[in-house]
Amino acid sequence: MLQFAGFELDEKRSELRRLDGETIKLRPKAFDLLRLFATRPGRVLSKHELMAAIWPDVHVGEDNLFQCIREIRTALGDEKRELIRAIAGRGYLFEPEVSGSTDAAPQEAIPPKTKSQTESEPTVGWRNGKIRRRAALIAIAAVGVSALAIPAMMLPNVFVASPPSVAILPMATASGDAAVARMATGVISDLTDGLAKIETIRVVVPPGAAIKEADLVLNSELDKTETTWSLRANMIEPATGAVKWSTSLSVNLTDIDPQLQRTRLTAAIGNALAQRINALLTSGNRSVDGGPTGTAKAAIEQATASINQTTLERFRTAEAMLEKALADDADSVDLRVALAAFKLRGIQLSWFPETERQTVVNGVGAIMERALHARPDYIPVLETHCRYLSATNRFAESLVACGKALALDPWDGSALYLTGLAQIYLGRFDDALATFKQADRFDTPQVSRWTWGIGAGWACMLMGRADEALPWLQRSIKITPASGRTYFLMAAAYQQLGRVAEAKAAIAKGMELRPGSTALNAPPPSSNTSGVFLKAQERIMRLIVEAGLPEK
């Protein structure tokens, strides 16, 4: 048992706890990494040492390491990076003093877990009622953070209700192909691991009699063609026999390696499933749909159908469509957040006149206040709240809101993009790039692909890596060519690389999309941002001006 900074690490039970006994969930690899740090306090460990110990004999990218470190920092509340410090050019240092004893010798590498250990871990945290009560307390705390009052009469129900159990059955395969069977097994393993991080549900995996008493059961089937993976899934409520959710999805298997194919298949089904379960749980009635239906659903789908290719004219038409639908159905939370998100995207693309911008922001704030009051733990509400906080330069608060959304859907690409955006403004460029790359690996929702493209390109430019930024920006523009800001960033990349003619062409296209742009009004917001960001962004603006952006 090791103690440090108000926490204790129980190696035998593979648990991280606060000193008051509250268990904090960590994925197996993140726990192993924290254990490695805690057994070597005060010593700088290189990235190579860390990756060799946690992923022995397996080739993984540095993003896997960064993701585990982010998860540990979140678990320890280490937002200021005082417990795990990055030592430039050398690695990472675990700063706290550690007391207690460990079963591992200080210099030993952590042995890899067996397959049986890894597969059984997702259900460990739900074996007793204490964890359920903690989940209820965490939910109440989360609501409190957003400054929403809970009527006292509601509290008993929160403590009585237990998380619904979701049984994950082995994925069937449509053929006897061994490669398909291996992929199916891998996707189910990754899906179970991801769902186990969601505190509002309890994951059940065969074998075990508990599966017969599960509240929801997931069935799925995987097939493969020459160019795509095809996955079908449905979720049934055994008590009634009702199908609560079904989906058919496909992932391209050309031009991407098998590991990325597996990641995207897992993310595609995991994102849709987590969103569906969340809609059911936050509807106030598990027997009803919980998501947009009827006229509201049609209006949202029509308004966002061509969002990637949106022009100003289409934007205004879709905005009017959503406003009319909301006027006809004023109580629809889904319409509220769809309209708020749409308006925030208009602000992001500078489609509102500067004189109108603050009025729009205030209007979105009013919409979000009502939506948060109605359904404070609904993922679309949390996503849009995160976007609103980002648009109003409240970046630290935006990280908290995004963290809530990701706690309910670990594959939420929109929340990952907004997390990366906040990290950029706070001067954490390496973290931001890793976050955008994670969103790109998940590729969910696909409608947001252009956002993590521009995000990754921007992060690279802020670090002075124009050659790495250019492919990301080109990809973003190919998906959504209506963003003038992307063209300006591309101009800076071309200018830094000495490709002056291409830089000027990019400026011309950016000016066409954002007429009247100058060095005074084109820069992103500066309030509540870090000095590191401001200095790096100033360098980018100089490149854009050199490429042809008017100074005034």
Protein backbone atom coordinates (compact mmCIF):
# COMPACT_ATOMS: atom_id res chain seq x y z
CA MET A 1 0.00 0.00 0.00
CA LEU A 2 1.43 3.35 -1.07
CA GLN A 3 0.27 6.74 0.21
CA PHE A 4 0.87 10.10 -1.46
CA ALA A 5 -0.83 13.50 -1.78
CA GLY A 6 -4.05 12.40 -0.08
CA PHE A 7 -4.35 9.13 -2.01
CA GLU A 8 -3.46 5.51 -1.47
CA LEU A 9 -2.53 2.95 -4.10
CA ASP A 10 -3.58 -0.60 -3.27
CA GLU A 11 -1.45 -2.81 -5.51
CA LYS A 12 -3.01 -6.12 -4.47
CA ARG A 13 -6.54 -4.92 -5.32
CA SER A 14 -5.41 -2.69 -8.20
CA GLU A 15 -7.28 0.26 -6.71
CA LEU A 16 -6.61 3.97 -6.33
CA ARG A 17 -8.45 5.43 -3.34
CA ARG A 18 -8.74 8.67 -1.48
CA LEU A 19 -7.75 8.43 2.17
CA ASP A 20 -11.46 8.49 3.09
CA GLY A 21 -11.89 5.21 1.20
CA GLU A 22 -13.49 6.52 -1.99
CA THR A 23 -12.34 4.46 -4.97
CA ILE A 24 -11.28 6.29 -8.14
CA LYS A 25 -11.64 4.35 -11.36
CA LEU A 26 -8.64 4.07 -13.65
CA ARG A 27 -8.19 1.99 -16.76
CA PRO A 28 -5.70 -0.89 -16.29
CA LYS A 29 -2.89 0.78 -18.27
CA ALA A 30 -3.37 4.10 -16.47
CA PHE A 31 -3.24 2.28 -13.11
CA ASP A 32 -0.04 0.49 -14.13
CA LEU A 33 1.51 3.80 -15.14
CA LEU A 34 0.57 5.46 -11.84
CA ARG A 35 2.01 2.46 -10.00
CA LEU A 36 5.24 2.86 -11.93
CA PHE A 37 5.44 6.55 -11.01
CA ALA A 38 4.63 5.89 -7.35
CA THR A 39 7.35 3.27 -7.03
CA ARG A 40 9.91 5.70 -8.46
CA PRO A 41 9.13 9.08 -6.86
CA GLY A 42 11.55 11.91 -7.44
CA ARG A 43 13.12 10.25 -10.47
CA VAL A 44 12.77 11.49 -14.05
CA LEU A 45 11.45 8.67 -16.25
CA SER A 46 11.88 8.98 -19.99
CA LYS A 47 9.01 8.35 -22.42
CA HIS A 48 10.92 5.31 -23.67
CA GLU A 49 11.21 3.84 -20.15
CA LEU A 50 7.53 4.41 -19.46
CA MET A 51 6.31 2.94 -22.74
CA ALA A 52 8.65 -0.08 -22.49
CA ALA A 53 7.35 -0.86 -19.00
CA ILE A 54 3.63 -0.37 -19.68
CA TRP A 55 3.49 -1.76 -23.23
CA PRO A 56 6.27 -4.40 -23.29
CA ASP A 57 6.93 -5.96 -26.70
CA VAL A 58 4.09 -3.91 -28.22
CA HIS A 59 4.59 -0.99 -30.59
CA VAL A 60 2.32 1.92 -29.58
CA GLY A 61 2.46 5.63 -30.27
CA GLU A 62 3.26 8.33 -27.71
CA ASP A 63 -0.41 9.35 -27.75
CA ASN A 64 -1.20 6.22 -25.71
CA LEU A 65 1.21 7.46 -23.04
CA PHE A 66 -0.19 11.00 -23.13
CA GLN A 67 -3.74 9.70 -22.76
CA CYS A 68 -2.82 7.66 -19.68
CA ILE A 69 -1.04 10.62 -18.12
CA ARG A 70 -4.08 12.84 -18.75
CA GLU A 71 -6.32 10.25 -17.11
CA ILE A 72 -4.05 10.03 -14.06
CA ARG A 73 -3.88 13.82 -13.73
CA THR A 74 -7.66 14.01 -13.88
CA ALA A 75 -8.00 11.28 -11.23
CA LEU A 76 -5.54 13.07 -8.92
CA GLY A 77 -6.99 16.54 -9.58
CA ASP A 78 -3.60 17.58 -10.91
CA GLU A 79 -4.84 20.34 -13.23
CA LYS A 80 -1.81 22.51 -12.43
CA ARG A 81 0.57 19.62 -13.23
CA GLU A 82 2.27 19.80 -9.88
CA LEU A 83 2.16 16.08 -9.08
CA ILE A 84 3.30 14.72 -12.44
CA ARG A 85 5.69 17.22 -14.00
CA ALA A 86 6.86 17.17 -17.59
CA ILE A 87 10.62 17.74 -17.71
CA ALA A 88 11.43 19.25 -21.10
CA GLY A 89 13.55 16.94 -23.25
CA ARG A 90 13.86 14.31 -20.52
CA GLY A 91 10.51 12.79 -19.52
CA TYR A 92 8.22 12.91 -16.48
CA LEU A 93 8.80 13.32 -12.75
CA PHE A 94 6.45 12.12 -9.99
CA GLU A 95 6.80 14.90 -7.42
CA PRO A 96 4.88 13.78 -4.26
CA GLU A 97 6.54 12.08 -1.34
CA VAL A 98 5.45 8.44 -1.19
CA SER A 99 5.15 6.38 1.99
CA GLY A 100 4.27 2.74 2.56
CA SER A 101 5.54 -0.46 1.03
CA THR A 102 5.27 -2.06 -2.38
CA ASP A 103 5.49 -5.62 -3.62
CA ALA A 104 7.59 -4.53 -6.60
CA ALA A 105 11.31 -3.84 -6.37
CA PRO A 106 12.01 -0.17 -7.18
CA GLN A 107 13.81 -0.87 -10.45
CA GLU A 108 11.63 -3.71 -11.75
CA ALA A 109 9.52 -3.20 -14.84
CA ILE A 110 5.83 -3.76 -14.25
CA PRO A 111 4.88 -7.22 -15.49
CA PRO A 112 2.10 -7.23 -18.08
CA LYS A 113 -1.30 -8.37 -16.87
CA THR A 114 -2.67 -11.69 -18.02
CA LYS A 115 -5.55 -11.78 -20.44
CA SER A 116 -7.92 -13.05 -17.77
CA GLN A 117 -6.99 -10.22 -15.40
CA THR A 118 -7.55 -7.56 -18.04
CA GLU A 119 -10.90 -8.90 -19.21
CA SER A 120 -12.34 -9.27 -15.72
CA GLU A 121 -11.50 -5.78 -14.51
CA PRO A 122 -14.38 -3.80 -16.10
CA THR A 123 -16.90 -5.38 -13.71
CA VAL A 124 -14.83 -5.20 -10.49
CA GLY A 125 -15.93 -1.70 -9.53
CA TRP A 126 -19.62 -2.62 -9.43
CA ARG A 127 -19.48 -5.56 -7.02
CA ASN A 128 -20.90 -3.76 -4.01
CA GLY A 129 -23.42 -1.08 -3.12
CA LYS A 130 -20.80 1.40 -1.93
CA ILE A 131 -19.69 2.11 -5.47
CA ARG A 132 -23.29 2.79 -6.48
CA ARG A 133 -23.76 5.30 -3.68
CA ARG A 134 -20.49 6.98 -4.66
CA ALA A 135 -21.75 7.27 -8.23
CA ALA A 136 -24.85 9.03 -6.92
CA LEU A 137 -22.72 11.42 -4.87
CA ILE A 138 -20.53 12.15 -7.90
CA ALA A 139 -23.64 12.87 -9.96
CA ILE A 140 -24.90 15.32 -7.35
CA ALA A 141 -21.47 16.98 -7.16
CA ALA A 142 -21.41 17.34 -10.94
CA VAL A 143 -24.76 19.09 -10.88
CA GLY A 144 -23.51 21.33 -8.10
CA VAL A 145 -20.51 22.41 -10.16
CA SER A 146 -22.84 23.79 -12.80
CA ALA A 147 -24.59 25.82 -10.09
CA LEU A 148 -27.93 24.08 -10.47
CA ALA A 149 -30.03 23.58 -7.35
CA ILE A 150 -31.58 20.14 -6.68
CA PRO A 151 -34.88 20.22 -4.79
CA ALA A 152 -34.49 18.42 -1.49
CA MET A 153 -37.43 16.14 -2.26
CA MET A 154 -35.45 14.63 -5.15
CA LEU A 155 -32.47 13.48 -3.09
CA PRO A 156 -33.93 10.22 -1.70
CA ASN A 157 -34.65 8.96 -5.21
CA VAL A 158 -31.05 9.59 -6.26
CA PHE A 159 -29.74 7.36 -3.49
CA VAL A 160 -32.31 4.61 -3.93
CA ALA A 161 -31.86 4.16 -7.67
CA SER A 162 -29.09 1.79 -8.72
CA PRO A 163 -27.22 1.99 -12.03
CA PRO A 164 -28.80 -0.16 -14.74
CA SER A 165 -26.82 -3.21 -15.77
CA VAL A 166 -25.78 -3.62 -19.40
CA ALA A 167 -24.83 -7.11 -20.56
CA ILE A 168 -22.33 -7.23 -23.43
CA LEU A 169 -22.66 -10.48 -25.36
CA PRO A 170 -19.84 -11.83 -27.55
CA MET A 171 -19.97 -10.36 -31.05
CA ALA A 172 -21.21 -12.82 -33.67
CA THR A 173 -19.55 -13.09 -37.08
CA ALA A 174 -21.28 -13.68 -40.40
CA SER A 175 -18.50 -15.91 -41.69
CA GLY A 176 -15.93 -18.36 -40.42
CA ASP A 177 -13.05 -16.00 -41.21
CA ALA A 178 -10.53 -16.10 -38.35
CA ALA A 179 -9.53 -12.44 -38.97
CA VAL A 180 -13.15 -11.35 -38.56
CA ALA A 181 -13.43 -13.37 -35.35
CA ARG A 182 -10.27 -11.76 -33.95
CA MET A 183 -11.54 -8.30 -34.82
CA ALA A 184 -14.92 -9.03 -33.21
CA THR A 185 -13.24 -10.22 -30.00
CA GLY A 186 -11.01 -7.16 -29.91
CA VAL A 187 -13.87 -4.71 -30.45
CA ILE A 188 -15.96 -6.27 -27.68
CA SER A 189 -12.97 -6.19 -25.32
CA ASP A 190 -12.32 -2.49 -26.04
CA LEU A 191 -16.02 -1.66 -25.89
CA THR A 192 -16.39 -3.32 -22.50
CA ASP A 193 -13.34 -1.48 -21.18
CA GLY A 194 -14.74 1.86 -22.35
CA LEU A 195 -18.25 1.29 -21.02
CA ALA A 196 -16.85 0.22 -17.65
CA LYS A 197 -15.54 3.78 -17.18
CA ILE A 198 -19.09 5.18 -17.24
CA GLU A 199 -20.27 5.54 -13.63
CA THR A 200 -23.97 5.62 -14.46
CA ILE A 201 -24.12 2.02 -15.71
CA ARG A 202 -22.92 -1.40 -14.55
CA VAL A 203 -21.30 -3.60 -17.18
CA VAL A 204 -21.93 -7.35 -17.14
CA VAL A 205 -19.90 -9.74 -19.30
CA PRO A 206 -20.41 -13.50 -19.74
CA PRO A 207 -20.07 -15.94 -18.15
CA GLY A 208 -22.29 -15.39 -15.13
CA ALA A 209 -25.90 -15.75 -14.06
CA ALA A 210 -26.14 -11.97 -13.60
CA ILE A 211 -26.48 -11.57 -17.36
CA LYS A 212 -29.97 -13.10 -17.18
CA GLU A 213 -31.05 -10.31 -14.83
CA ALA A 214 -29.47 -7.47 -16.80
CA ASP A 215 -31.58 -4.40 -17.51
CA LEU A 216 -30.25 -4.12 -21.05
CA VAL A 217 -28.53 -6.64 -23.33
CA LEU A 218 -26.34 -5.77 -26.32
CA ASN A 219 -26.18 -8.12 -29.30
CA SER A 220 -23.92 -7.43 -32.26
CA GLU A 221 -22.61 -8.99 -35.47
CA LEU A 222 -19.55 -8.17 -37.57
CA ASP A 223 -18.98 -8.81 -41.26
CA LYS A 224 -16.25 -7.86 -43.72
CA THR A 225 -16.13 -7.03 -47.42
CA GLU A 226 -13.10 -6.20 -49.53
CA THR A 227 -13.30 -2.52 -48.54
CA THR A 228 -15.31 -2.18 -45.33
CA TRP A 229 -16.21 -3.63 -41.97
CA SER A 230 -19.97 -3.79 -41.42
CA LEU A 231 -21.32 -3.92 -37.89
CA ARG A 232 -24.92 -4.37 -36.77
CA ALA A 233 -26.05 -4.09 -33.17
CA ASN A 234 -29.19 -3.88 -31.09
CA MET A 235 -29.92 -3.38 -27.42
CA ILE A 236 -32.89 -5.20 -25.90
CA GLU A 237 -34.70 -4.75 -22.61
CA PRO A 238 -35.17 -8.38 -21.47
CA ALA A 239 -38.00 -7.55 -19.09
CA THR A 240 -40.23 -6.37 -21.92
CA GLY A 241 -38.54 -7.72 -25.03
CA ALA A 242 -38.47 -4.18 -26.43
CA VAL A 243 -35.65 -3.14 -28.74
CA LYS A 244 -34.30 0.02 -27.14
CA TRP A 245 -31.67 0.76 -29.77
CA SER A 246 -30.31 -0.58 -33.03
CA THR A 247 -27.67 0.56 -35.48
CA SER A 248 -25.84 -0.42 -38.64
CA LEU A 249 -22.46 1.13 -39.30
CA SER A 250 -19.42 0.62 -41.46
CA VAL A 251 -15.73 1.49 -41.26
CA ASN A 252 -13.41 1.71 -44.24
CA LEU A 253 -10.58 -0.80 -43.99
CA THR A 254 -8.46 0.61 -46.81
CA ASP A 255 -5.59 3.00 -46.13
CA ILE A 256 -5.73 2.46 -42.35
CA ASP A 257 -3.97 -0.19 -40.28
CA PRO A 258 -5.88 -2.98 -38.43
CA GLN A 259 -5.45 -1.33 -35.02
CA LEU A 260 -7.04 1.89 -36.26
CA GLN A 261 -9.84 -0.12 -37.88
CA ARG A 262 -10.50 -1.76 -34.50
CA THR A 263 -10.39 1.59 -32.71
CA ARG A 264 -12.87 3.17 -35.12
CA LEU A 265 -15.25 0.22 -34.99
CA THR A 266 -15.21 0.36 -31.19
CA ALA A 267 -15.67 4.12 -31.15
CA ALA A 268 -18.49 4.02 -33.69
CA ILE A 269 -20.57 1.54 -31.72
CA GLY A 270 -19.44 2.86 -28.32
CA ASN A 271 -20.30 6.48 -29.07
CA ALA A 272 -23.78 5.63 -30.40
CA LEU A 273 -24.46 3.20 -27.54
CA ALA A 274 -23.27 5.55 -24.79
CA GLN A 275 -25.36 8.41 -26.21
CA ARG A 276 -28.41 6.14 -26.40
CA ILE A 277 -28.07 4.85 -22.85
CA ASN A 278 -27.56 8.40 -21.60
CA ALA A 279 -30.71 9.56 -23.41
CA LEU A 280 -32.69 6.77 -21.76
CA LEU A 281 -31.34 7.47 -18.27
CA THR A 282 -31.81 11.24 -18.41
CA SER A 283 -35.31 11.17 -19.90
CA GLY A 284 -36.80 10.58 -16.46
CA ASN A 285 -38.40 7.37 -17.71
CA ARG A 286 -36.30 4.46 -18.90
CA SER A 287 -39.21 3.07 -20.88
CA VAL A 288 -39.37 6.05 -23.26
CA ASP A 289 -37.05 7.09 -26.05
CA GLY A 290 -35.27 9.97 -24.33
CA GLY A 291 -33.96 11.52 -27.54
CA PRO A 292 -35.49 13.81 -30.16
CA THR A 293 -38.61 12.46 -31.85
CA GLY A 294 -41.17 13.50 -34.43
CA THR A 295 -41.03 17.09 -35.66
CA ALA A 296 -38.05 17.97 -33.46
CA LYS A 297 -35.99 15.09 -34.84
CA ALA A 298 -36.88 15.98 -38.44
CA ALA A 299 -35.98 19.65 -37.93
CA ILE A 300 -32.63 18.80 -36.36
CA GLU A 301 -31.77 16.31 -39.10
CA GLN A 302 -32.72 18.72 -41.87
CA ALA A 303 -30.84 21.61 -40.30
CA THR A 304 -27.63 19.63 -39.85
CA ALA A 305 -27.81 17.36 -42.94
CA SER A 306 -25.28 19.37 -44.95
CA ILE A 307 -23.41 21.02 -42.10
CA ASN A 308 -19.98 20.21 -43.53
CA GLN A 309 -20.75 22.08 -46.76
CA THR A 310 -22.72 24.88 -45.13
CA THR A 311 -22.66 28.31 -46.72
CA LEU A 312 -23.87 31.49 -45.06
CA GLU A 313 -27.19 31.23 -46.92
CA ARG A 314 -27.73 27.62 -45.86
CA PHE A 315 -26.75 28.50 -42.34
CA ARG A 316 -29.41 31.21 -42.12
CA THR A 317 -32.05 28.87 -43.57
CA ALA A 318 -31.21 26.12 -41.09
CA GLU A 319 -31.14 28.58 -38.21
CA ALA A 320 -34.63 29.83 -39.12
CA MET A 321 -35.83 26.22 -39.38
CA LEU A 322 -34.65 25.39 -35.88
CA GLU A 323 -36.06 28.61 -34.42
CA LYS A 324 -39.49 27.86 -35.91
CA ALA A 325 -39.41 24.28 -34.61
CA LEU A 326 -38.52 25.52 -31.13
CA ALA A 327 -41.32 28.08 -31.21
CA ASP A 328 -43.73 25.21 -31.93
CA ASP A 329 -42.21 22.96 -29.24
CA ALA A 330 -40.80 25.26 -26.56
CA ASP A 331 -40.13 22.41 -24.08
CA SER A 332 -37.86 20.39 -26.37
CA VAL A 333 -34.38 20.25 -24.84
CA ASP A 334 -33.01 18.66 -28.02
CA LEU A 335 -34.20 21.59 -30.14
CA ARG A 336 -32.73 24.02 -27.64
CA VAL A 337 -29.26 22.52 -27.69
CA ALA A 338 -29.36 22.03 -31.48
CA LEU A 339 -30.18 25.72 -31.98
CA ALA A 340 -27.58 26.80 -29.42
CA ALA A 341 -24.89 24.63 -31.03
CA PHE A 342 -25.80 25.97 -34.47
CA LYS A 343 -25.54 29.57 -33.34
CA LEU A 344 -22.21 28.88 -31.65
CA ARG A 345 -20.91 27.40 -34.90
CA GLY A 346 -22.03 30.60 -36.64
CA ILE A 347 -19.97 32.58 -34.13
CA GLN A 348 -17.01 30.25 -34.71
CA LEU A 349 -17.21 30.87 -38.47
CA SER A 350 -17.75 34.64 -37.96
CA TRP A 351 -21.14 34.57 -39.72
CA PHE A 352 -22.70 37.00 -37.27
CA PRO A 353 -21.80 40.71 -37.57
CA GLU A 354 -19.56 41.88 -34.74
CA THR A 355 -22.35 44.19 -33.51
CA GLU A 356 -24.69 41.20 -33.28
CA ARG A 357 -22.27 38.72 -31.74
CA GLN A 358 -22.76 39.58 -28.06
CA THR A 359 -26.54 39.47 -28.42
CA VAL A 360 -26.26 36.01 -29.95
CA VAL A 361 -23.94 34.86 -27.15
CA ASN A 362 -26.38 36.16 -24.52
CA GLY A 363 -29.24 34.38 -26.25
CA VAL A 364 -27.32 31.11 -26.29
CA GLY A 365 -26.56 31.58 -22.59
CA ALA A 366 -30.28 31.85 -21.83
CA ILE A 367 -30.99 28.73 -23.89
CA MET A 368 -28.29 26.79 -22.07
CA GLU A 369 -29.51 27.87 -18.65
CA ARG A 370 -32.92 26.32 -19.35
CA ALA A 371 -31.45 23.20 -20.93
CA LEU A 372 -29.08 22.59 -17.98
CA HIS A 373 -31.94 23.02 -15.55
CA ALA A 374 -34.10 20.52 -17.44
CA ARG A 375 -31.50 17.79 -18.13
CA PRO A 376 -28.16 18.55 -16.44
CA ASP A 377 -26.58 15.16 -17.23
CA TYR A 378 -27.74 14.85 -20.85
CA ILE A 379 -24.71 14.51 -23.14
CA PRO A 380 -25.94 16.91 -25.88
CA VAL A 381 -26.56 19.53 -23.17
CA LEU A 382 -23.08 19.04 -21.69
CA GLU A 383 -21.44 19.21 -25.13
CA THR A 384 -23.20 22.44 -26.01
CA HIS A 385 -22.50 23.90 -22.58
CA CYS A 386 -18.82 23.12 -23.13
CA ARG A 387 -18.96 24.86 -26.53
CA TYR A 388 -20.70 27.88 -24.98
CA LEU A 389 -18.08 28.20 -22.23
CA SER A 390 -15.35 28.00 -24.87
CA ALA A 391 -17.04 30.69 -26.99
CA THR A 392 -17.20 32.97 -23.93
CA ASN A 393 -13.49 32.42 -23.09
CA ARG A 394 -14.15 30.39 -19.94
CA PHE A 395 -11.64 27.74 -20.89
CA ALA A 396 -10.99 26.15 -17.49
CA GLU A 397 -14.76 25.75 -16.97
CA SER A 398 -15.03 24.36 -20.48
CA LEU A 399 -12.57 21.61 -19.57
CA VAL A 400 -14.78 20.64 -16.62
CA ALA A 401 -17.93 20.53 -18.77
CA CYS A 402 -16.17 18.49 -21.46
CA GLY A 403 -14.86 16.15 -18.78
CA LYS A 404 -18.45 15.47 -17.67
CA ALA A 405 -19.49 14.64 -21.22
CA LEU A 406 -16.48 12.34 -21.71
CA ALA A 407 -17.22 10.60 -18.41
CA LEU A 408 -20.58 9.60 -19.93
CA ASP A 409 -19.24 8.89 -23.43
CA PRO A 410 -15.47 8.27 -23.65
CA TRP A 411 -15.67 8.26 -27.48
CA ASP A 412 -17.29 11.70 -27.80
CA GLY A 413 -15.25 13.39 -30.56
CA SER A 414 -17.04 16.73 -30.14
CA ALA A 415 -16.11 16.88 -26.45
CA LEU A 416 -12.55 15.86 -27.30
CA TYR A 417 -12.28 18.66 -29.86
CA LEU A 418 -13.52 21.24 -27.36
CA THR A 419 -11.13 19.83 -24.75
CA GLY A 420 -8.26 20.29 -27.18
CA LEU A 421 -9.41 23.81 -27.94
CA ALA A 422 -9.35 24.73 -24.24
CA GLN A 423 -5.90 23.17 -23.90
CA ILE A 424 -4.67 25.34 -26.78
CA TYR A 425 -5.87 28.57 -25.15
CA LEU A 426 -4.31 27.47 -21.86
CA GLY A 427 -0.94 26.96 -23.59
CA ARG A 428 -0.90 23.16 -23.41
CA PHE A 429 -0.11 22.52 -27.07
CA ASP A 430 1.28 18.98 -26.74
CA ASP A 431 -1.80 17.88 -24.82
CA ALA A 432 -4.06 19.58 -27.36
CA LEU A 433 -2.42 17.83 -30.30
CA ALA A 434 -2.74 14.46 -28.54
CA THR A 435 -6.41 15.18 -27.85
CA PHE A 436 -7.15 16.11 -31.46
CA LYS A 437 -5.33 13.00 -32.67
CA GLN A 438 -7.43 10.91 -30.30
CA ALA A 439 -10.59 12.45 -31.74
CA ASP A 440 -9.29 11.66 -35.23
CA ARG A 441 -8.68 8.03 -34.27
CA PHE A 442 -12.23 7.71 -32.92
CA ASP A 443 -13.75 9.62 -35.87
CA THR A 444 -17.04 10.15 -34.01
CA PRO A 445 -19.17 11.93 -34.95
CA GLN A 446 -17.97 12.10 -38.54
CA VAL A 447 -19.75 15.44 -38.99
CA SER A 448 -17.04 16.95 -36.75
CA ARG A 449 -14.06 15.64 -38.74
CA TRP A 450 -13.08 19.10 -39.98
CA THR A 451 -12.83 20.46 -36.43
CA TRP A 452 -10.08 18.19 -35.16
CA GLY A 453 -8.32 18.67 -38.48
CA ILE A 454 -8.08 22.42 -37.95
CA GLY A 455 -7.39 21.85 -34.24
CA ALA A 456 -4.43 19.56 -34.89
CA GLY A 457 -3.11 21.89 -37.60
CA TRP A 458 -3.37 24.88 -35.28
CA ALA A 459 -1.62 23.06 -32.43
CA CYS A 460 1.23 22.13 -34.78
CA MET A 461 1.55 25.73 -35.98
CA LEU A 462 1.64 27.01 -32.41
CA MET A 463 4.60 24.70 -31.85
CA GLY A 464 6.26 25.93 -35.07
CA ARG A 465 5.76 22.65 -36.96
CA ALA A 466 4.39 23.90 -40.29
CA ASP A 467 5.25 20.76 -42.25
CA GLU A 468 3.17 18.67 -39.82
CA ALA A 469 0.36 21.25 -39.71
CA LEU A 470 -0.21 21.45 -43.46
CA PRO A 471 -1.73 17.95 -44.03
CA TRP A 472 -4.18 18.46 -41.16
CA LEU A 473 -5.32 21.84 -42.50
CA GLN A 474 -5.64 20.52 -46.05
CA ARG A 475 -7.80 17.67 -44.81
CA SER A 476 -10.00 20.05 -42.82
CA ILE A 477 -10.55 22.30 -45.84
CA LYS A 478 -11.36 19.32 -48.04
CA ILE A 479 -14.16 18.40 -45.63
CA THR A 480 -15.42 21.92 -44.87
CA PRO A 481 -14.19 24.55 -47.33
CA ALA A 482 -16.26 27.33 -45.75
CA SER A 483 -13.90 28.22 -42.91
CA GLY A 484 -11.78 31.29 -43.60
CA ARG A 485 -9.76 30.72 -40.43
CA THR A 486 -8.46 27.41 -41.79
CA TYR A 487 -7.21 29.17 -44.95
CA PHE A 488 -5.43 31.81 -42.85
CA LEU A 489 -3.67 29.08 -40.84
CA MET A 490 -2.73 27.34 -44.07
CA ALA A 491 -1.30 30.61 -45.37
CA ALA A 492 0.89 30.83 -42.26
CA ALA A 493 2.11 27.27 -42.82
CA TYR A 494 2.94 27.93 -46.47
CA GLN A 495 4.68 31.19 -45.53
CA GLN A 496 6.83 29.48 -42.90
CA LEU A 497 7.79 26.81 -45.45
CA GLY A 498 8.77 29.44 -48.03
CA ARG A 499 5.90 28.60 -50.39
CA VAL A 500 4.96 32.24 -50.86
CA ALA A 501 2.66 31.94 -53.90
CA GLU A 502 0.55 29.27 -52.19
CA ALA A 503 0.46 31.40 -49.02
CA LYS A 504 -0.94 34.37 -50.95
CA ALA A 505 -3.53 32.15 -52.67
CA ALA A 506 -4.67 30.86 -49.28
CA ILE A 507 -4.99 34.43 -47.97
CA ALA A 508 -7.09 35.37 -51.01
CA LYS A 509 -9.46 32.46 -50.37
CA GLY A 510 -9.66 33.30 -46.66
CA MET A 511 -10.48 36.95 -47.47
CA GLU A 512 -13.21 35.76 -49.85
CA LEU A 513 -14.82 33.80 -47.02
CA ARG A 514 -14.17 36.45 -44.36
CA PRO A 515 -14.20 39.83 -46.14
CA GLY A 516 -12.90 42.72 -44.11
CA SER A 517 -10.49 40.57 -42.11
CA THR A 518 -7.39 42.32 -40.82
CA ALA A 519 -4.62 41.62 -38.34
CA LEU A 520 -6.76 43.49 -35.81
CA ASN A 521 -9.96 41.43 -36.07
CA ALA A 522 -8.76 38.03 -37.35
CA PRO A 523 -6.90 36.76 -34.26
CA PRO A 524 -8.73 34.42 -31.86
CA PRO A 525 -9.76 35.65 -28.40
CA SER A 526 -7.04 36.67 -25.99
CA SER A 527 -8.91 37.09 -22.69
CA ASN A 528 -8.37 34.30 -20.14
CA THR A 529 -5.64 32.76 -22.30
CA SER A 530 -2.10 31.95 -21.22
CA GLY A 531 0.97 33.99 -22.04
CA VAL A 532 2.43 30.96 -23.79
CA PHE A 533 -0.52 30.91 -26.19
CA LEU A 534 -0.40 34.66 -26.83
CA LYS A 535 3.27 34.57 -27.73
CA ALA A 536 2.88 31.63 -30.10
CA GLN A 537 -0.24 33.07 -31.71
CA GLU A 538 1.51 36.39 -32.30
CA ARG A 539 4.15 34.56 -34.31
CA ILE A 540 1.43 32.91 -36.44
CA MET A 541 -0.25 36.27 -37.06
CA ARG A 542 3.05 37.74 -38.28
CA LEU A 543 3.28 34.94 -40.84
CA ILE A 544 -0.32 35.57 -41.96
CA VAL A 545 0.38 39.29 -42.40
CA GLU A 546 3.55 38.49 -44.36
CA ALA A 547 1.40 36.31 -46.61
CA GLY A 548 -0.89 39.23 -47.40
CA LEU A 549 -3.46 39.78 -44.65
CA PRO A 550 -4.07 43.56 -44.27
CA GLU A 551 -2.76 44.92 -40.99
CA LYS A 552 -5.68 47.35 -40.61
